[in-house]
Amino acid sequence: MEDALILGDSLDFVTAVPVYPASSGYTLKYRLIPRVSGAAITLTATVVGDDYRVQSLPATTAAWTAGEYTWSAWVEKTGERYTVDSGTVTLKVDPGVVAAFDGRSHARKVLDAIEAVLENRATLDQEEYAINGRSLKRTPVAQLMVMRDTYRAEAWREDAAIKMAAGLPNPRHVYVRLARA
């Protein structure tokens, strides 16, 4: 199973389960269970020799709900069932059909929100106040800065992983050249 799929794209892959080959009469099934909302999705593979082929047409995947899913794969044969794999997959919105979409990660969204609060705080001098019996207490700037540093580091790690996945050098490595005198 892939790590991500854009809704409206074709899903098409071939996989092998050497211990339970398709030629032995097994059927491979996948079930994607949403972590937050949406309906569970069940996929049944077709036989390709000893392997299995999983396919869904664009019209089918377009009807699925975007989000994070936990998936499980198993093989079945009369009177038998064996779980063979599991993992997670992200179903992403189709950029060709949405009017607006915030594709930032959770860490990036929270970091941006904390930085916006810090920017607005530059003009405020009260940490708390009360008017007509109602009070408001703001998060202390020092605590916001600690939170900002935490989320900044998480966003940096995400950016580094994206760069490495694109084949760029690991930004965590520092290269040094020593010159001889």
Foldseek 3Di string as FASTA:
>chain_A
DDQEAEQLAKDKDKDADPVQFVVVVKKKKKWWAAPPDWDIDIWTWDHDPRITMTIDHNVVSNPGDFHKTKMWMWIDHVVDIDTDDIDMHTHHYDPVPDPDDDPDDPLVVVLVVLVVVVVVCVPPDDQKDDDPRDIDGHDDPVVSVVSNVVSVVVVVVVVQVVCVVVVHDRPVDDDDDDDDD
